[in-house]
C-alpha atoms as a PDB file:
ATOM      1  CA  MET A   1     123.418 109.297 102.384  1.00  0.00           C
ATOM      2  CA  ARG A   2     120.395 110.824 104.229  1.00  0.00           C
ATOM      3  CA  THR A   3     119.586 109.949 107.886  1.00  0.00           C
ATOM      4  CA  ILE A   4     116.551 110.757 109.889  1.00  0.00           C
ATOM      5  CA  PHE A   5     116.853 110.676 113.703  1.00  0.00           C
ATOM      6  CA  ASN A   6     113.858 110.397 115.846  1.00  0.00           C
ATOM      7  CA  THR A   7     114.543 111.353 119.514  1.00  0.00           C
ATOM      8  CA  GLY A   8     111.069 110.894 120.696  1.00  0.00           C
ATOM      9  CA  ASP A   9     110.291 114.665 120.944  1.00  0.00           C
ATOM     10  CA  HIS A  10     111.198 115.752 117.547  1.00  0.00           C
ATOM     11  CA  VAL A  11     112.616 114.553 114.232  1.00  0.00           C
ATOM     12  CA  GLU A  12     115.952 115.756 112.943  1.00  0.00           C
ATOM     13  CA  SER A  13     117.075 115.259 109.439  1.00  0.00           C
ATOM     14  CA  SER A  14     120.774 115.170 108.407  1.00  0.00           C
ATOM     15  CA  ALA A  15     121.389 115.164 104.678  1.00  0.00           C
ATOM     16  CA  ALA A  16     124.500 114.456 102.577  1.00  0.00           C
ATOM     17  CA  THR A  17     124.455 113.507  98.882  1.00  0.00           C
ATOM     18  CA  THR A  18     126.627 110.803  97.517  1.00  0.00           C
ATOM     19  CA  ARG A  19     128.025 110.749  94.032  1.00  0.00           C
ATOM     20  CA  GLY A  20     125.930 113.816  93.151  1.00  0.00           C
ATOM     21  CA  ARG A  21     122.681 111.933  93.541  1.00  0.00           C
ATOM     22  CA  THR A  22     119.644 113.419  95.338  1.00  0.00           C
ATOM     23  CA  ALA A  23     116.499 111.767  96.779  1.00  0.00           C
ATOM     24  CA  ARG A  24     113.212 111.991  94.954  1.00  0.00           C
ATOM     25  CA  HIS A  25     110.210 112.787  97.101  1.00  0.00           C
ATOM     26  CA  ALA A  26     106.534 112.159  96.667  1.00  0.00           C
ATOM     27  CA  SER A  27     103.949 114.596  98.040  1.00  0.00           C
ATOM     28  CA  ILE A  28     102.094 113.525 101.085  1.00  0.00           C
ATOM     29  CA  SER A  29      98.885 113.502  99.091  1.00  0.00           C
ATOM     30  CA  GLN A  30     100.383 110.758  97.002  1.00  0.00           C
ATOM     31  CA  VAL A  31     101.180 108.555  99.837  1.00  0.00           C
ATOM     32  CA  ALA A  32      98.398 106.409 101.513  1.00  0.00           C
ATOM     33  CA  GLN A  33      98.016 107.045 105.153  1.00  0.00           C
ATOM     34  CA  MET A  34      99.047 104.178 107.413  1.00  0.00           C
ATOM     35  CA  THR A  35      96.443 103.111 109.863  1.00  0.00           C
ATOM     36  CA  SER A  36      97.164 100.998 112.861  1.00  0.00           C
ATOM     37  CA  ALA A  37      95.118 100.457 115.979  1.00  0.00           C
ATOM     38  CA  ARG A  38      98.213  99.360 117.877  1.00  0.00           C
ATOM     39  CA  CYS A  39     100.728 101.751 119.509  1.00  0.00           C
ATOM     40  CA  PRO A  40     104.073 101.970 117.552  1.00  0.00           C
ATOM     41  CA  THR A  41     106.941 100.028 118.809  1.00  0.00           C
ATOM     42  CA  ARG A  42     109.313 101.557 121.389  1.00  0.00           C
ATOM     43  CA  GLN A  43     112.063  99.158 120.523  1.00  0.00           C
ATOM     44  CA  PRO A  44     115.152 100.751 118.959  1.00  0.00           C
ATOM     45  CA  PHE A  45     115.946  99.973 115.342  1.00  0.00           C
ATOM     46  CA  THR A  46     117.701 101.304 112.298  1.00  0.00           C
ATOM     47  CA  LEU A  47     116.150 100.888 108.914  1.00  0.00           C
ATOM     48  CA  ALA A  48     118.195 101.217 105.720  1.00  0.00           C
ATOM     49  CA  ILE A  49     116.512 101.684 102.334  1.00  0.00           C
ATOM     50  CA  CYS A  50     118.499 101.088  99.128  1.00  0.00           C
ATOM     51  CA  THR A  51     117.812 103.720  96.573  1.00  0.00           C
ATOM     52  CA  ALA A  52     120.321 102.632  93.898  1.00  0.00           C
ATOM     53  CA  CYS A  53     117.895 101.026  91.473  1.00  0.00           C
ATOM     54  CA  GLY A  54     115.402 103.721  91.479  1.00  0.00           C
ATOM     55  CA  ALA A  55     112.425 101.478  91.968  1.00  0.00           C
ATOM     56  CA  GLU A  56     109.114 103.038  90.832  1.00  0.00           C
ATOM     57  CA  VAL A  57     107.647 102.599  94.438  1.00  0.00           C
ATOM     58  CA  ALA A  58     110.737 104.089  96.220  1.00  0.00           C
ATOM     59  CA  PRO A  59     109.414 107.707  96.585  1.00  0.00           C
ATOM     60  CA  GLN A  60     106.243 106.625  98.017  1.00  0.00           C
ATOM     61  CA  LEU A  61     107.795 104.020 100.224  1.00  0.00           C
ATOM     62  CA  LEU A  62     110.382 106.535 101.449  1.00  0.00           C
ATOM     63  CA  GLN A  63     107.603 108.912 102.562  1.00  0.00           C
ATOM     64  CA  MET A  64     105.770 106.014 104.265  1.00  0.00           C
ATOM     65  CA  LEU A  65     109.048 104.956 106.055  1.00  0.00           C
ATOM     66  CA  ARG A  66     109.570 108.575 107.182  1.00  0.00           C
ATOM     67  CA  ASN A  67     106.060 108.487 108.724  1.00  0.00           C
ATOM     68  CA  VAL A  68     106.995 105.185 110.529  1.00  0.00           C
ATOM     69  CA  ILE A  69     110.168 106.782 111.936  1.00  0.00           C
ATOM     70  CA  ARG A  70     108.232 109.718 113.192  1.00  0.00           C
ATOM     71  CA  ARG A  71     105.869 107.368 115.079  1.00  0.00           C
ATOM     72  CA  CYS A  72     108.524 105.112 116.684  1.00  0.00           C
ATOM     73  CA  PRO A  73     110.526 106.947 119.347  1.00  0.00           C
ATOM     74  CA  HIS A  74     113.725 105.138 118.782  1.00  0.00           C
ATOM     75  CA  GLY A  75     113.708 104.421 115.059  1.00  0.00           C
ATOM     76  CA  MET A  76     116.226 105.749 112.586  1.00  0.00           C
ATOM     77  CA  LEU A  77     115.999 105.764 108.842  1.00  0.00           C
ATOM     78  CA  VAL A  78     119.048 105.616 106.517  1.00  0.00           C
ATOM     79  CA  MET A  79     118.933 106.083 102.712  1.00  0.00           C
ATOM     80  CA  THR A  80     121.879 104.379 101.047  1.00  0.00           C
ATOM     81  CA  GLU A  81     123.207 102.997  97.758  1.00  0.00           C
ATOM     82  CA  CYS A  82     123.081  99.378  97.101  1.00  0.00           C
ATOM     83  CA  LEU A  83     123.785  97.285 100.105  1.00  0.00           C
ATOM     84  CA  LEU A  84     124.405  94.013  98.236  1.00  0.00           C
ATOM     85  CA  GLY A  85     126.328  94.810  95.212  1.00  0.00           C
ATOM     86  CA  GLN A  86     125.345  94.333  91.614  1.00  0.00           C
ATOM     87  CA  PHE A  87     125.994  90.520  91.585  1.00  0.00           C
ATOM     88  CA  ALA A  88     124.033  89.748  94.702  1.00  0.00           C
ATOM     89  CA  CYS A  89     121.263  92.296  94.516  1.00  0.00           C
ATOM     90  CA  ALA A  90     117.901  90.573  94.910  1.00  0.00           C
ATOM     91  CA  THR A  91     116.134  92.886  92.511  1.00  0.00           C
ATOM     92  CA  ARG A  92     118.418  92.074  89.580  1.00  0.00           C
ATOM     93  CA  PRO A  93     118.282  91.712  86.678  1.00  0.00           C
ATOM     94  CA  ALA A  94     114.964  93.771  86.275  1.00  0.00           C
ATOM     95  CA  HIS A  95     115.945  96.389  88.964  1.00  0.00           C
ATOM     96  CA  GLU A  96     112.402  96.215  90.357  1.00  0.00           C
ATOM     97  CA  GLY A  97     111.497  96.996  93.846  1.00  0.00           C
ATOM     98  CA  ALA A  98     113.283  98.487  96.827  1.00  0.00           C
ATOM     99  CA  MET A  99     115.218  96.628  99.413  1.00  0.00           C
ATOM    100  CA  LEU A 100     115.291  97.309 103.126  1.00  0.00           C
ATOM    101  CA  LEU A 101     117.562  96.281 105.925  1.00  0.00           C
ATOM    102  CA  LEU A 102     116.161  96.280 109.441  1.00  0.00           C
ATOM    103  CA  GLN A 103     118.674  96.219 112.248  1.00  0.00           C
ATOM    104  CA  LEU A 104     117.519  95.792 115.819  1.00  0.00           C
ATOM    105  CA  CYS A 105     119.699  97.692 118.215  1.00  0.00           C
ATOM    106  CA  SER A 106     120.011  99.284 121.598  1.00  0.00           C
ATOM    107  CA  ILE A 107     119.258 102.931 122.204  1.00  0.00           C
ATOM    108  CA  GLU A 108     123.064 103.554 121.680  1.00  0.00           C
ATOM    109  CA  ARG A 109     122.698 102.027 118.252  1.00  0.00           C
ATOM    110  CA  ALA A 110     124.736  98.944 119.102  1.00  0.00           C
ATOM    111  CA  PRO A 111     123.224  95.782 117.138  1.00  0.00           C
ATOM    112  CA  THR A 112     121.312  93.423 119.388  1.00  0.00           C
ATOM    113  CA  ALA A 113     120.202  90.860 116.796  1.00  0.00           C
ATOM    114  CA  PRO A 114     120.932  89.721 113.244  1.00  0.00           C
ATOM    115  CA  ALA A 115     119.773  92.216 110.571  1.00  0.00           C
ATOM    116  CA  ARG A 116     116.545  91.345 108.708  1.00  0.00           C
ATOM    117  CA  TRP A 117     116.450  91.873 104.823  1.00  0.00           C
ATOM    118  CA  LEU A 118     113.136  92.872 103.515  1.00  0.00           C
ATOM    119  CA  GLY A 119     111.814  93.104  99.973  1.00  0.00           C
ATOM    120  CA  PRO A 120     111.911  93.669  97.036  1.00  0.00           C
ATOM    121  CA  ILE A 121     109.026  95.902  97.641  1.00  0.00           C
ATOM    122  CA  THR A 122     107.378  96.544  94.310  1.00  0.00           C
ATOM    123  CA  ASP A 123     104.058  98.158  94.971  1.00  0.00           C
ATOM    124  CA  LEU A 124     102.209 100.351  97.404  1.00  0.00           C
ATOM    125  CA  ALA A 125     100.283  97.378  98.990  1.00  0.00           C
ATOM    126  CA  ASP A 126     103.691  95.774  99.837  1.00  0.00           C
ATOM    127  CA  ALA A 127     104.950  99.126 101.209  1.00  0.00           C
ATOM    128  CA  ARG A 128     101.921  99.403 103.453  1.00  0.00           C
ATOM    129  CA  LEU A 129     102.310  95.808 104.615  1.00  0.00           C
ATOM    130  CA  ILE A 130     105.974  96.381 105.535  1.00  0.00           C
ATOM    131  CA  CYS A 131     105.262  99.685 107.318  1.00  0.00           C
ATOM    132  CA  GLU A 132     102.559  98.106 109.460  1.00  0.00           C
ATOM    133  CA  TRP A 133     104.866  95.188 110.315  1.00  0.00           C
ATOM    134  CA  ILE A 134     107.693  97.582 111.336  1.00  0.00           C
ATOM    135  CA  VAL A 135     105.401  99.709 113.520  1.00  0.00           C
ATOM    136  CA  ARG A 136     104.056  96.586 115.335  1.00  0.00           C
ATOM    137  CA  GLY A 137     107.600  95.826 116.489  1.00  0.00           C
ATOM    138  CA  ASP A 138     107.199  91.904 116.446  1.00  0.00           C
ATOM    139  CA  TRP A 139     109.624  91.700 113.549  1.00  0.00           C
ATOM    140  CA  ASP A 140     108.938  87.957 112.980  1.00  0.00           C
ATOM    141  CA  CYS A 141     109.632  87.512 109.193  1.00  0.00           C
ATOM    142  CA  ARG A 142     107.393  84.465 109.089  1.00  0.00           C
ATOM    143  CA  GLU A 143     104.469  86.953 109.450  1.00  0.00           C
ATOM    144  CA  LEU A 144     105.381  88.409 106.069  1.00  0.00           C
ATOM    145  CA  PRO A 145     104.469  86.995 102.613  1.00  0.00           C
ATOM    146  CA  ILE A 146     107.292  84.892 101.186  1.00  0.00           C
ATOM    147  CA  ARG A 147     107.874  87.548  98.399  1.00  0.00           C
ATOM    148  CA  LEU A 148     108.883  90.082 101.045  1.00  0.00           C
ATOM    149  CA  ARG A 149     111.312  87.797 102.927  1.00  0.00           C
ATOM    150  CA  ALA A 150     114.413  88.894 101.173  1.00  0.00           C
ATOM    151  CA  GLU A 151     116.412  85.940 102.529  1.00  0.00           C
ATOM    152  CA  ALA A 152     114.620  83.600 100.215  1.00  0.00           C
ATOM    153  CA  THR A 153     114.989  86.126  97.293  1.00  0.00           C
ATOM    154  CA  LEU A 154     118.772  86.556  98.128  1.00  0.00           C
ATOM    155  CA  GLN A 155     119.235  82.762  98.010  1.00  0.00           C
ATOM    156  CA  GLN A 156     117.586  82.532  94.586  1.00  0.00           C
ATOM    157  CA  SER A 157     119.764  85.411  93.489  1.00  0.00           C
ATOM    158  CA  SER A 158     122.917  83.625  94.579  1.00  0.00           C
ATOM    159  CA  ILE A 159     122.018  80.442  92.713  1.00  0.00           C
ATOM    160  CA  ARG A 160     121.777  82.419  89.465  1.00  0.00           C
ATOM    161  CA  ASN A 161     125.339  83.809  89.797  1.00  0.00           C
END
């Protein structure tokens, strides 16, 4: 698992690999720059990205999420294996797209609200949209297109099981 901490003044990276897997990184030139006229949120949050399925957009999305964390003084990014398990994963059976879990929390990292499932994120346009939504800090899932509201995707997935 790899975690990026943002303490406001600097960004620290703590890395550990699980099961011998390493993260794939995209160069900054491959990642579209995020533009936002609004100031980034100052609300604390933890954002987990599932890297298990190896979605095509994952390396670019990961770099974009790192940029989000650097802009948000109380944000933390966690890279993890599948959070849902193979039978419930919203990206199955095609293994397309990356899943995110946004947990609102206190500065001490104690959860303050239910977690929000986001995704699957299948292209750079969706990645930009999610990143802009996170930076705004409103975090009302109804502002996102239905395809990125993972609760709906998870419900469809559970019906197939």
